[in-house]
């Protein structure tokens, strides 16, 4: 039974994840100190932690142990943070602001930022490979799932399509494929990894959860595109209007603002419908879908 309000649950979970990240990212006292300082700079003290929240919410479906979810959530957030550090580099999206602070390569330097991303990526898999994390079968599935979501057929592949699409007009299926990889793959992985950390789901339940995760991932990107052209830099904590200035294809440029908002509502409804099989067990996932849809940052 969920007795906490959503805002309290979210705040408590964010604090828990921050603490777990602080424990798992090497301290500045550990050689090489500057690299570890930069890793902590990129990882700690900012971000909505949506992917870790999804890990914990999905873990409620399968009665996963909170300590196990700490490790899984850290692994997912490390992959996400590595992607942000690399995306911000001059050779990629070339941005100077992230989570309201100078980007990692601005605060430190480009070679250090590159190594921060590399190190966070490998640390994520080190965490998932801990011997006591889960039973061997589930643990191997977790590692394979996160690796697939992070690589050329997932997040990195989506970024490659994104870079190749600057100044081009994509149709909706092409745009959805790009974002299903770039953004959606890691969000889907967060949901499935959280569920894998606990008791097994039936085939029907897993299919429903996967459907939710895919819709939620796409919803997140549609809202991101809307916010990029409607919210301020101060609110977003990153440079507003960047996609439009860079002539990147977005749901707003393709559909228009009103139609993009309508599409977001449609995706939210589809995501919630996929959760109906779980009843009250999916309360936090339902609340997160609403949060993703209605967020202002």
Protein backbone atom coordinates (compact mmCIF):
# COMPACT_ATOMS: atom_id res chain seq x y z
CA UNK A 1 0.00 0.00 0.00
CA UNK A 2 1.42 3.39 -1.04
CA UNK A 3 0.94 5.71 1.93
CA UNK A 4 3.33 8.49 0.88
CA UNK A 5 2.23 11.22 -1.49
CA UNK A 6 3.90 11.12 -4.87
CA UNK A 7 5.94 14.25 -4.15
CA UNK A 8 7.20 12.78 -0.87
CA UNK A 9 7.99 9.44 -2.48
CA UNK A 10 9.81 11.15 -5.33
CA UNK A 11 11.80 13.36 -2.96
CA UNK A 12 12.75 10.45 -0.73
CA UNK A 13 13.81 8.34 -3.71
CA UNK A 14 15.87 11.15 -5.22
CA UNK A 15 17.70 11.61 -1.90
CA UNK A 16 18.27 7.86 -1.68
CA UNK A 17 19.69 7.72 -5.21
CA UNK A 18 21.92 10.74 -4.58
CA UNK A 19 23.34 9.01 -1.51
CA UNK A 20 23.89 5.76 -3.41
CA UNK A 21 25.66 7.60 -6.24
CA UNK A 22 27.88 9.44 -3.76
CA UNK A 23 28.88 6.08 -2.29
CA UNK A 24 29.51 4.38 -5.63
CA UNK A 25 31.36 7.07 -7.60
CA UNK A 26 35.00 7.09 -6.43
CA UNK A 27 35.97 9.92 -4.10
CA UNK A 28 38.34 12.76 -4.92
CA UNK A 29 40.87 11.14 -2.58
CA UNK A 30 41.24 8.21 -4.96
CA UNK A 31 43.85 8.45 -7.73
CA UNK A 32 43.42 9.87 -10.36
CA UNK A 33 41.86 12.60 -8.22
CA UNK A 34 40.95 15.05 -11.03
CA UNK A 35 39.10 12.40 -13.02
CA UNK A 36 37.15 11.29 -9.96
CA UNK A 37 36.39 14.91 -9.08
CA UNK A 38 34.98 15.41 -12.58
CA UNK A 39 32.97 12.17 -12.37
CA UNK A 40 31.39 13.36 -9.13
CA UNK A 41 30.77 16.82 -10.60
CA UNK A 42 28.85 15.30 -13.50
CA UNK A 43 26.97 12.74 -11.42
CA UNK A 44 25.99 14.46 -8.18
CA UNK A 45 23.90 17.43 -7.16
CA UNK A 46 21.51 17.76 -10.06
CA UNK A 47 19.05 16.16 -12.42
CA UNK A 48 15.47 14.95 -12.09
CA UNK A 49 16.60 11.32 -11.66
CA UNK A 50 13.65 10.17 -13.79
CA UNK A 51 15.36 6.91 -14.78
CA UNK A 52 16.19 5.92 -11.18
CA UNK A 53 12.63 6.82 -10.20
CA UNK A 54 11.39 4.46 -12.89
CA UNK A 55 13.71 1.74 -11.56
CA UNK A 56 12.22 2.05 -8.07
CA UNK A 57 8.63 2.32 -9.32
CA UNK A 58 8.99 -0.80 -11.46
CA UNK A 59 10.69 -2.54 -8.56
CA UNK A 60 7.48 -2.11 -6.56
CA UNK A 61 5.73 -4.38 -9.06
CA UNK A 62 8.04 -7.26 -8.21
CA UNK A 63 8.76 -6.57 -4.54
CA UNK A 64 12.43 -5.91 -5.28
CA UNK A 65 14.76 -5.23 -2.37
CA UNK A 66 15.52 -1.49 -2.00
CA UNK A 67 19.27 -2.17 -1.69
CA UNK A 68 19.21 -4.00 -5.02
CA UNK A 69 17.29 -1.13 -6.61
CA UNK A 70 19.93 1.31 -5.29
CA UNK A 71 22.58 -0.49 -7.33
CA UNK A 72 20.42 -0.83 -10.45
CA UNK A 73 19.32 2.80 -10.29
CA UNK A 74 22.95 3.95 -9.98
CA UNK A 75 23.97 1.88 -12.99
CA UNK A 76 21.21 3.36 -15.15
CA UNK A 77 21.91 6.92 -13.98
CA UNK A 78 25.63 6.49 -14.67
CA UNK A 79 24.88 5.50 -18.26
CA UNK A 80 22.55 8.49 -18.58
CA UNK A 81 25.11 10.89 -17.12
CA UNK A 82 27.88 9.56 -19.35
CA UNK A 83 25.63 10.19 -22.36
CA UNK A 84 24.99 13.78 -21.25
CA UNK A 85 28.69 14.49 -20.72
CA UNK A 86 29.51 13.18 -24.19
CA UNK A 87 26.48 14.81 -25.85
CA UNK A 88 27.60 18.21 -24.54
CA UNK A 89 31.09 17.95 -26.06
CA UNK A 90 31.97 20.36 -28.92
CA UNK A 91 32.15 17.46 -31.38
CA UNK A 92 28.55 16.47 -30.53
CA UNK A 93 25.85 18.95 -29.41
CA UNK A 94 28.40 21.54 -28.22
CA UNK A 95 26.65 22.92 -25.13
CA UNK A 96 27.96 24.90 -22.18
CA UNK A 97 25.13 24.42 -19.65
CA UNK A 98 23.78 21.25 -18.04
CA UNK A 99 21.62 20.93 -14.90
CA UNK A 100 22.09 24.66 -14.30
CA UNK A 101 25.89 24.44 -14.19
CA UNK A 102 28.75 24.61 -16.71
CA UNK A 103 29.02 21.37 -18.64
CA UNK A 104 31.76 18.95 -17.65
CA UNK A 105 34.15 19.89 -20.46
CA UNK A 106 33.73 23.59 -19.64
CA UNK A 107 34.32 23.11 -15.91
CA UNK A 108 37.28 20.79 -16.50
CA UNK A 109 38.44 20.18 -20.09
CA UNK A 110 37.48 18.09 -23.11
CA UNK A 111 39.86 15.15 -22.56
CA UNK A 112 38.72 14.86 -18.93
CA UNK A 113 35.06 14.98 -19.97
CA UNK A 114 35.65 12.22 -22.50
CA UNK A 115 37.24 10.06 -19.80
CA UNK A 116 34.41 10.87 -17.37
CA UNK A 117 31.91 9.42 -19.83
CA UNK A 118 34.06 6.37 -20.47
CA UNK A 119 34.56 5.76 -16.75
CA UNK A 120 30.92 6.17 -15.78
CA UNK A 121 29.89 3.76 -18.52
CA UNK A 122 32.23 1.03 -17.35
CA UNK A 123 31.41 1.67 -13.68
CA UNK A 124 27.73 1.06 -14.45
CA UNK A 125 28.50 -2.47 -15.60
CA UNK A 126 30.86 -3.04 -12.69
CA UNK A 127 27.92 -2.34 -10.38
CA UNK A 128 25.58 -4.69 -12.24
CA UNK A 129 28.23 -7.43 -12.10
CA UNK A 130 28.39 -7.46 -8.30
CA UNK A 131 28.12 -11.11 -7.20
CA UNK A 132 25.33 -10.54 -4.65
CA UNK A 133 23.09 -8.35 -6.82
CA UNK A 134 20.63 -10.99 -8.04
CA UNK A 135 20.40 -14.61 -9.11
CA UNK A 136 22.85 -15.34 -11.96
CA UNK A 137 20.17 -15.67 -14.65
CA UNK A 138 18.51 -12.35 -13.83
CA UNK A 139 21.87 -10.66 -13.42
CA UNK A 140 23.06 -11.71 -16.88
CA UNK A 141 19.78 -10.52 -18.35
CA UNK A 142 20.22 -7.16 -16.62
CA UNK A 143 23.73 -6.70 -17.97
CA UNK A 144 22.70 -7.66 -21.51
CA UNK A 145 19.65 -5.39 -21.35
CA UNK A 146 21.60 -2.32 -20.26
CA UNK A 147 24.38 -2.99 -22.77
CA UNK A 148 21.90 -3.28 -25.63
CA UNK A 149 20.07 -0.12 -24.56
CA UNK A 150 23.34 1.83 -24.40
CA UNK A 151 24.98 0.76 -27.66
CA UNK A 152 24.64 1.17 -31.40
CA UNK A 153 21.18 -0.40 -31.41
CA UNK A 154 20.10 1.84 -28.56
CA UNK A 155 21.19 5.19 -27.15
CA UNK A 156 24.45 5.61 -29.09
CA UNK A 157 22.75 4.61 -32.32
CA UNK A 158 20.00 7.16 -31.73
CA UNK A 159 22.59 9.87 -31.17
CA UNK A 160 24.29 8.90 -34.44
CA UNK A 161 20.98 9.27 -36.29
CA UNK A 162 20.39 12.59 -34.53
CA UNK A 163 23.75 13.98 -35.63
CA UNK A 164 23.17 12.80 -39.19
CA UNK A 165 19.71 14.42 -39.27
CA UNK A 166 20.69 18.03 -38.61
CA UNK A 167 19.07 20.24 -41.23
CA UNK A 168 17.00 17.36 -42.62
CA UNK A 169 13.26 16.81 -42.54
CA UNK A 170 12.33 13.46 -40.97
CA UNK A 171 8.87 11.97 -41.19
CA UNK A 172 7.17 10.78 -38.01
CA UNK A 173 8.23 7.10 -38.23
CA UNK A 174 11.86 8.18 -38.79
CA UNK A 175 11.68 10.63 -35.88
CA UNK A 176 10.15 8.01 -33.61
CA UNK A 177 12.83 5.48 -34.49
CA UNK A 178 15.56 7.99 -33.68
CA UNK A 179 14.06 8.81 -30.29
CA UNK A 180 13.11 5.23 -29.48
CA UNK A 181 16.85 4.62 -29.60
CA UNK A 182 18.34 7.87 -28.31
CA UNK A 183 15.98 8.50 -25.38
CA UNK A 184 13.51 5.64 -25.21
CA UNK A 185 15.95 2.73 -25.01
CA UNK A 186 17.43 3.76 -21.66
CA UNK A 187 14.04 4.67 -20.20
CA UNK A 188 12.72 1.27 -21.26
CA UNK A 189 15.79 -0.37 -19.73
CA UNK A 190 15.23 1.48 -16.44
CA UNK A 191 11.71 0.08 -16.17
CA UNK A 192 12.62 -3.48 -17.13
CA UNK A 193 15.73 -3.53 -14.95
CA UNK A 194 13.73 -2.39 -11.93
CA UNK A 195 11.25 -5.20 -12.49
CA UNK A 196 14.00 -7.78 -13.06
CA UNK A 197 15.46 -6.93 -9.65
CA UNK A 198 12.52 -8.65 -7.92
CA UNK A 199 10.14 -11.57 -8.39
CA UNK A 200 9.48 -12.86 -11.93
CA UNK A 201 6.62 -11.42 -13.97
CA UNK A 202 4.37 -13.51 -16.19
CA UNK A 203 4.87 -13.22 -19.94
CA UNK A 204 1.69 -11.14 -20.21
CA UNK A 205 2.78 -8.82 -17.40
CA UNK A 206 6.20 -8.36 -18.93
CA UNK A 207 4.69 -7.51 -22.32
CA UNK A 208 2.42 -4.94 -20.68
CA UNK A 209 5.32 -3.42 -18.76
CA UNK A 210 7.39 -3.25 -21.93
CA UNK A 211 4.54 -1.51 -23.73
CA UNK A 212 4.33 1.02 -20.91
CA UNK A 213 8.09 1.60 -20.99
CA UNK A 214 8.15 2.24 -24.74
CA UNK A 215 5.25 4.70 -24.57
CA UNK A 216 6.79 6.46 -21.55
CA UNK A 217 10.13 6.81 -23.33
CA UNK A 218 8.53 8.41 -26.36
CA UNK A 219 6.37 10.62 -24.14
CA UNK A 220 9.49 11.89 -22.36
CA UNK A 221 11.03 12.98 -25.68
CA UNK A 222 7.89 14.67 -26.99
CA UNK A 223 7.68 16.71 -23.79
CA UNK A 224 11.40 17.50 -24.07
CA UNK A 225 10.81 18.87 -27.56
CA UNK A 226 7.89 20.96 -26.32
CA UNK A 227 9.88 22.36 -23.41
CA UNK A 228 12.84 23.17 -25.65
CA UNK A 229 10.74 25.77 -27.42
CA UNK A 230 8.45 26.91 -24.57
CA UNK A 231 10.55 26.96 -21.38
CA UNK A 232 13.42 29.23 -20.38
CA UNK A 233 17.06 28.30 -19.96
CA UNK A 234 16.77 29.06 -16.23
CA UNK A 235 13.86 26.67 -15.87
CA UNK A 236 15.39 23.88 -17.93
CA UNK A 237 18.91 24.13 -16.52
CA UNK A 238 20.21 23.75 -20.07
CA UNK A 239 20.20 25.95 -23.15
CA UNK A 240 16.63 26.51 -24.32
CA UNK A 241 15.86 26.61 -28.04
CA UNK A 242 19.00 24.63 -28.84
CA UNK A 243 17.27 22.11 -31.12
CA UNK A 244 15.59 24.78 -33.22
CA UNK A 245 18.79 26.81 -33.48
CA UNK A 246 20.68 23.70 -34.59
CA UNK A 247 17.96 22.80 -37.13
CA UNK A 248 17.32 19.45 -35.49
CA UNK A 249 14.12 17.57 -36.31
CA UNK A 250 11.70 17.57 -33.35
CA UNK A 251 8.06 16.73 -32.74
CA UNK A 252 7.26 20.44 -32.58
CA UNK A 253 8.95 21.15 -35.93
CA UNK A 254 7.19 18.14 -37.47
CA UNK A 255 3.71 18.40 -35.94
CA UNK A 256 3.44 21.92 -34.57
CA UNK A 257 3.15 22.81 -30.88
CA UNK A 258 -0.55 22.04 -30.38
CA UNK A 259 -0.41 18.72 -32.21
CA UNK A 260 2.73 17.75 -30.28
CA UNK A 261 0.87 18.39 -27.02
CA UNK A 262 -2.06 16.30 -28.24
CA UNK A 263 0.32 13.51 -29.18
CA UNK A 264 1.85 13.65 -25.69
CA UNK A 265 -1.61 13.19 -24.17
CA UNK A 266 -2.21 10.23 -26.47
CA UNK A 267 1.08 8.61 -25.45
CA UNK A 268 0.29 9.15 -21.77
CA UNK A 269 -3.08 7.45 -22.16
CA UNK A 270 -1.51 4.50 -23.96
CA UNK A 271 1.14 4.18 -21.25
CA UNK A 272 -1.47 4.18 -18.49
CA UNK A 273 -3.62 1.65 -20.32
CA UNK A 274 -0.68 -0.74 -20.45
CA UNK A 275 -0.46 -0.63 -16.64
CA UNK A 276 -4.08 -1.64 -16.01
CA UNK A 277 -3.08 -5.30 -15.61
CA UNK A 278 -1.11 -4.44 -12.45
CA UNK A 279 -3.76 -2.55 -10.49
CA UNK A 280 -2.48 -0.67 -7.43
CA UNK A 281 0.97 -2.22 -7.80
CA UNK A 282 1.56 0.25 -10.63
CA UNK A 283 0.58 3.37 -8.67
CA UNK A 284 4.06 4.89 -8.76
CA UNK A 285 4.53 4.13 -12.46
CA UNK A 286 1.15 5.76 -13.15
CA UNK A 287 2.19 8.83 -11.18
CA UNK A 288 5.51 8.98 -12.98
CA UNK A 289 3.79 8.90 -16.37
CA UNK A 290 1.72 11.89 -15.26
CA UNK A 291 4.85 13.63 -13.97
CA UNK A 292 6.68 13.05 -17.26
CA UNK A 293 3.71 14.37 -19.24
CA UNK A 294 3.07 17.49 -17.16
CA UNK A 295 6.59 18.44 -16.05
CA UNK A 296 7.76 21.99 -16.63
CA UNK A 297 11.51 21.29 -16.70
